[in-house]
Amino acid sequence: MELEYESLKNELLRLLDSNKTWVLATSDGVRVSARAMSVVHDDLTLYFQTNRHFEKCNQMAKNQNVALCCANASVEGIAYEVGTWEDNPAVKEVYIEHHKGSYELYGTLPGQVVIKVVPHYAVFWKYIGGEPARDFLHIPEERAERLFYFEQYSK
């Protein structure tokens, strides 16, 4: 069933506002790894800092497709290295507001980079009237839909 896109988008934005730690999954095509990340956002675009020598950066260099999850939601997108915090002053300000300790410990170390994730898809697991369902946000198409689990998989 079709849902109102802006309503589901706003639900994702509220989740991003209230949860600043998300689990990031990356893969180089062979090995998959996941770790908690301190995340901020500008609308639906996500940002985090890391060191370019870490495994996740090596994996993203080989495969830019990433996923992040928190609570009942997951987001899939494309990751881009966008320089340092000095190259991204507006995002830096938001990052320091929410992750000051992380920025102070790591933000200016050699090798630190900012990663931007442009999402194209999000899914929420829910229970609607006691029935399991998934709400899908198809971001480029600005479309949202709900599929009930048992209707989809009991056939």
Foldseek 3Di string as FASTA:
>chain_A
DWDQLVVVLVVVVVVLVVDQWKKKWFALVPDIDIDIFGWHDDSPKIKGKDFCPDPRNVRCVNPQWMKIDDDQKIWIFGKDWQFACVSVVVVVVVSCVRPVVCCVVPRPDPRMTMMMTDTQKMKGWDQDVNFTKIWIRGDVVSIIDIDTPCVVPVD
